N, C-alpha and C. Protein backbone atom coordinates (compact mmCIF):
# COMPACT_ATOMS: atom_id res chain seq x y z
N MET A 1 0.85 -1.32 0.00
CA MET A 1 -0.19 0.05 -0.07
C MET A 1 0.86 1.16 -0.07
N GLU A 2 0.61 2.09 -0.91
CA GLU A 2 1.46 3.46 -1.03
C GLU A 2 0.44 4.55 -0.58
N ALA A 3 1.04 5.64 0.14
CA ALA A 3 0.55 6.76 0.60
C ALA A 3 -0.10 7.61 -0.90
N LYS A 4 -1.21 8.14 -0.59
CA LYS A 4 -1.85 8.91 -1.74
C LYS A 4 -1.28 10.29 -1.69
N ARG A 5 -1.32 10.94 -2.81
CA ARG A 5 -0.51 12.33 -3.00
C ARG A 5 -1.73 13.32 -3.37
N ASP A 6 -1.42 14.62 -3.03
CA ASP A 6 -2.56 15.60 -3.43
C ASP A 6 -1.82 16.30 -4.67
N GLU A 7 -2.31 17.20 -5.14
CA GLU A 7 -1.99 18.06 -6.57
C GLU A 7 -0.64 18.54 -6.29
N ASN A 8 -0.16 18.82 -4.96
CA ASN A 8 1.07 19.40 -4.94
C ASN A 8 2.16 18.36 -4.29
N ARG A 9 1.75 16.92 -4.61
CA ARG A 9 2.51 15.80 -4.20
C ARG A 9 2.81 15.70 -2.74
N ILE A 10 1.97 16.25 -1.83
CA ILE A 10 2.05 15.96 -0.61
C ILE A 10 1.46 14.74 -0.16
N THR A 11 2.11 13.88 0.58
CA THR A 11 1.46 12.45 0.79
C THR A 11 0.60 12.52 2.04
N THR A 12 -0.30 11.46 1.92
CA THR A 12 -1.35 11.22 3.12
C THR A 12 -0.47 10.49 4.14
N ILE A 13 -1.02 10.31 5.39
CA ILE A 13 -0.41 9.56 6.53
C ILE A 13 -0.67 8.03 6.33
N LEU A 14 0.40 7.44 6.64
CA LEU A 14 0.32 6.03 6.75
C LEU A 14 0.42 5.31 8.20
N ALA A 15 -0.32 4.24 8.52
CA ALA A 15 0.02 3.42 9.76
C ALA A 15 0.46 2.09 9.37
N THR A 16 0.80 1.30 10.13
CA THR A 16 1.28 0.01 10.09
C THR A 16 0.02 -1.10 10.29
N LEU A 17 0.08 -2.00 9.39
CA LEU A 17 -1.13 -2.93 9.35
C LEU A 17 -0.83 -3.76 10.59
N ASN A 18 -2.13 -3.73 11.37
CA ASN A 18 -2.04 -4.47 12.72
C ASN A 18 -1.83 -5.94 12.72
N THR A 19 -2.00 -6.73 11.46
CA THR A 19 -1.91 -8.09 11.48
C THR A 19 -0.66 -8.55 11.23
N ASP A 20 0.38 -7.75 10.77
CA ASP A 20 1.69 -8.24 10.34
C ASP A 20 2.74 -7.36 11.09
N GLY A 21 2.50 -6.18 11.25
CA GLY A 21 3.45 -5.16 11.99
C GLY A 21 4.40 -4.65 10.95
N VAL A 22 4.27 -4.74 9.77
CA VAL A 22 5.28 -4.34 8.69
C VAL A 22 4.72 -3.59 7.65
N THR A 23 3.56 -3.95 7.34
CA THR A 23 2.94 -3.43 6.04
C THR A 23 2.33 -1.90 6.08
N PRO A 24 2.88 -1.02 5.48
CA PRO A 24 2.23 0.37 5.47
C PRO A 24 0.80 0.15 4.84
N ASN A 25 -0.10 0.97 5.75
CA ASN A 25 -1.45 0.81 5.35
C ASN A 25 -2.14 2.32 5.55
N LEU A 26 -3.14 2.52 4.72
CA LEU A 26 -3.79 3.82 4.58
C LEU A 26 -4.57 3.90 6.01
N VAL A 27 -4.92 5.40 6.37
CA VAL A 27 -5.81 5.66 7.31
C VAL A 27 -6.81 6.68 6.66
N TYR A 28 -8.19 6.15 6.92
CA TYR A 28 -9.07 6.84 6.41
C TYR A 28 -9.58 8.08 7.27
N VAL A 29 -10.29 9.00 6.71
CA VAL A 29 -10.82 10.20 7.35
C VAL A 29 -12.39 10.54 6.70
N ASP A 30 -13.15 10.77 7.55
CA ASP A 30 -14.51 11.12 6.94
C ASP A 30 -14.54 12.32 6.38
N PRO A 31 -14.76 12.54 5.06
CA PRO A 31 -14.59 13.74 4.07
C PRO A 31 -15.65 14.82 4.49
N THR A 32 -16.73 14.42 5.28
CA THR A 32 -17.84 15.39 5.55
C THR A 32 -17.32 16.15 6.89
N ASN A 33 -16.84 15.57 7.92
CA ASN A 33 -16.26 16.26 9.14
C ASN A 33 -15.05 16.13 9.42
N HIS A 34 -14.07 15.62 8.59
CA HIS A 34 -12.74 15.66 8.71
C HIS A 34 -12.22 14.88 9.82
N SER A 35 -12.86 13.86 10.37
CA SER A 35 -12.49 13.22 11.49
C SER A 35 -11.96 11.85 11.08
N LEU A 36 -10.88 11.39 11.80
CA LEU A 36 -10.07 10.10 11.65
C LEU A 36 -11.21 9.00 11.82
N CYS A 37 -11.11 7.99 11.14
CA CYS A 37 -11.94 6.69 11.15
C CYS A 37 -11.02 5.93 12.26
N VAL A 38 -11.64 5.58 13.44
CA VAL A 38 -10.78 4.67 14.29
C VAL A 38 -11.66 3.39 14.67
N ASP A 39 -10.89 2.55 15.38
CA ASP A 39 -11.46 1.47 15.95
C ASP A 39 -10.99 1.47 17.58
N ASN A 40 -11.98 1.99 18.28
CA ASN A 40 -11.70 2.28 19.69
C ASN A 40 -11.63 0.72 20.32
N GLY A 41 -10.38 0.65 21.25
CA GLY A 41 -10.36 -0.49 22.20
C GLY A 41 -9.95 -1.64 21.50
N THR A 42 -9.37 -1.53 20.19
CA THR A 42 -8.60 -2.70 19.45
C THR A 42 -7.13 -2.31 19.44
N THR A 43 -6.36 -3.28 19.69
CA THR A 43 -4.86 -3.17 19.58
C THR A 43 -4.23 -4.11 18.70
N GLY A 44 -2.96 -4.17 18.37
CA GLY A 44 -2.26 -5.00 17.53
C GLY A 44 -1.23 -5.58 18.47
N SER A 45 -0.67 -6.68 17.91
CA SER A 45 0.32 -7.26 18.58
C SER A 45 1.87 -6.56 18.48
N ASP A 46 2.52 -6.70 19.35
CA ASP A 46 3.92 -6.06 19.35
C ASP A 46 4.73 -7.07 18.51
N PHE A 47 5.20 -6.56 17.16
CA PHE A 47 6.03 -7.34 16.36
C PHE A 47 7.30 -7.10 16.28
N GLY A 48 7.74 -6.09 17.37
CA GLY A 48 9.21 -5.91 17.63
C GLY A 48 9.75 -5.19 16.57
N THR A 49 9.23 -4.37 15.66
CA THR A 49 9.76 -3.45 14.66
C THR A 49 10.56 -2.58 15.18
N LYS A 50 11.73 -2.36 14.78
CA LYS A 50 12.96 -1.33 15.44
C LYS A 50 12.84 -0.17 14.55
N ASN A 51 12.37 -0.09 13.20
CA ASN A 51 12.43 0.94 12.43
C ASN A 51 10.99 1.21 11.50
N ALA A 52 10.60 2.32 11.34
CA ALA A 52 9.28 2.50 10.85
C ALA A 52 9.27 1.96 9.33
N PRO A 53 8.31 1.16 9.16
CA PRO A 53 8.13 0.58 7.77
C PRO A 53 7.87 1.65 6.74
N ARG A 54 8.30 1.49 5.43
CA ARG A 54 8.27 2.38 4.37
C ARG A 54 7.36 1.88 3.21
N ASP A 55 6.58 2.70 2.45
CA ASP A 55 5.87 2.18 1.41
C ASP A 55 6.90 2.11 0.15
N GLY A 56 6.43 1.89 -1.16
CA GLY A 56 7.26 1.85 -2.16
C GLY A 56 7.73 3.10 -2.75
N ASN A 57 7.29 4.39 -2.20
CA ASN A 57 7.88 5.59 -2.36
C ASN A 57 8.80 5.97 -1.25
N ARG A 58 9.06 5.10 -0.39
CA ARG A 58 9.78 5.40 0.96
C ARG A 58 9.23 6.48 1.99
N LYS A 59 7.96 6.46 1.79
CA LYS A 59 7.27 7.39 2.88
C LYS A 59 7.02 6.28 4.03
N THR A 60 7.30 6.84 5.39
CA THR A 60 7.31 6.06 6.47
C THR A 60 5.87 6.10 7.09
N VAL A 61 5.60 5.21 7.85
CA VAL A 61 4.44 5.24 8.73
C VAL A 61 4.60 6.19 9.82
N MET A 62 3.41 6.35 10.50
CA MET A 62 3.33 7.41 11.52
C MET A 62 4.02 6.70 12.82
N MET A 63 4.68 7.41 13.73
CA MET A 63 5.32 6.84 14.71
C MET A 63 4.86 7.94 15.77
N ALA A 64 4.88 7.37 17.21
CA ALA A 64 4.78 8.26 18.27
C ALA A 64 5.59 7.81 19.29
N VAL A 65 5.71 8.42 20.55
CA VAL A 65 6.67 8.07 21.57
C VAL A 65 5.80 7.27 22.50
N SER A 66 6.45 6.26 23.02
CA SER A 66 5.91 5.12 23.97
C SER A 66 5.45 5.89 25.31
N SER A 67 4.19 5.57 25.62
CA SER A 67 3.78 6.21 26.90
C SER A 67 4.30 5.28 28.10
N SER A 68 5.11 4.27 28.02
CA SER A 68 5.49 3.56 29.11
C SER A 68 6.89 4.18 29.51
N ASP A 69 7.66 4.69 28.59
CA ASP A 69 8.91 5.22 28.91
C ASP A 69 9.32 6.75 28.39
N GLY A 70 8.28 7.16 27.57
CA GLY A 70 8.55 8.63 27.00
C GLY A 70 9.47 8.82 26.04
N VAL A 71 10.26 7.74 25.69
CA VAL A 71 11.46 7.88 24.79
C VAL A 71 11.34 7.05 23.48
N THR A 72 10.81 5.82 23.69
CA THR A 72 11.00 4.75 22.68
C THR A 72 9.95 5.17 21.59
N PRO A 73 10.26 5.23 20.16
CA PRO A 73 9.42 5.45 19.05
C PRO A 73 8.56 4.19 18.98
N VAL A 74 7.32 4.16 18.74
CA VAL A 74 6.43 3.06 18.59
C VAL A 74 5.50 3.54 17.24
N GLU A 75 5.42 2.52 16.21
CA GLU A 75 4.54 2.90 15.16
C GLU A 75 3.00 2.83 15.54
N LEU A 76 2.34 3.50 14.88
CA LEU A 76 0.73 3.50 14.89
C LEU A 76 0.31 2.50 14.06
N TYR A 77 -0.87 1.68 14.55
CA TYR A 77 -1.28 0.57 13.65
C TYR A 77 -2.82 1.03 13.21
N SER A 78 -3.12 0.43 12.06
CA SER A 78 -4.41 0.52 11.44
C SER A 78 -4.98 -0.85 11.09
N ASP A 79 -6.21 -1.14 10.80
CA ASP A 79 -6.63 -2.26 10.67
C ASP A 79 -7.07 -2.40 9.19
N ASN A 80 -7.48 -3.63 8.73
CA ASN A 80 -7.70 -3.89 7.39
C ASN A 80 -8.96 -2.98 6.83
N LEU A 81 -9.47 -2.43 7.45
CA LEU A 81 -10.64 -1.39 7.09
C LEU A 81 -10.05 0.05 7.14
N TYR A 82 -8.85 0.31 7.32
CA TYR A 82 -8.05 1.55 7.33
C TYR A 82 -8.51 2.33 8.44
N ASN A 83 -9.01 1.78 9.61
CA ASN A 83 -9.26 2.46 10.88
C ASN A 83 -8.03 2.57 11.66
N LEU A 84 -7.69 3.70 12.26
CA LEU A 84 -6.63 3.84 13.01
C LEU A 84 -6.98 3.19 14.37
N LEU A 85 -6.13 2.42 15.00
CA LEU A 85 -6.48 1.71 16.35
C LEU A 85 -6.06 2.75 17.54
N ILE A 86 -7.07 2.85 18.22
CA ILE A 86 -6.83 3.62 19.63
C ILE A 86 -7.43 2.90 20.68
N GLN A 87 -6.88 3.39 21.96
CA GLN A 87 -7.31 2.71 23.05
C GLN A 87 -7.72 3.88 24.10
N SER A 88 -8.92 4.26 24.07
CA SER A 88 -9.32 5.44 24.86
C SER A 88 -9.85 4.90 26.33
N THR A 89 -10.01 3.79 26.61
CA THR A 89 -10.31 3.26 27.91
C THR A 89 -9.35 2.84 28.82
């Protein structure tokens, strides 16, 4: 899966597919209210990835800082329906 581009060649965001931990995956947004499509309370397995996966154009997936140590980069996961996985509870 490769990031989509606008007319100015700016790429969309990618997350990592939660089923394998290495495949770059799209993240959908509702075009009416511009909100992320999410799957709340769903998590992915830790596949131990050390570096952010890249698509065929070398665009990296999104990463954030670990809540457990405040230092370690962790990639964000999405599911096969392109929903960003979140844990709000």
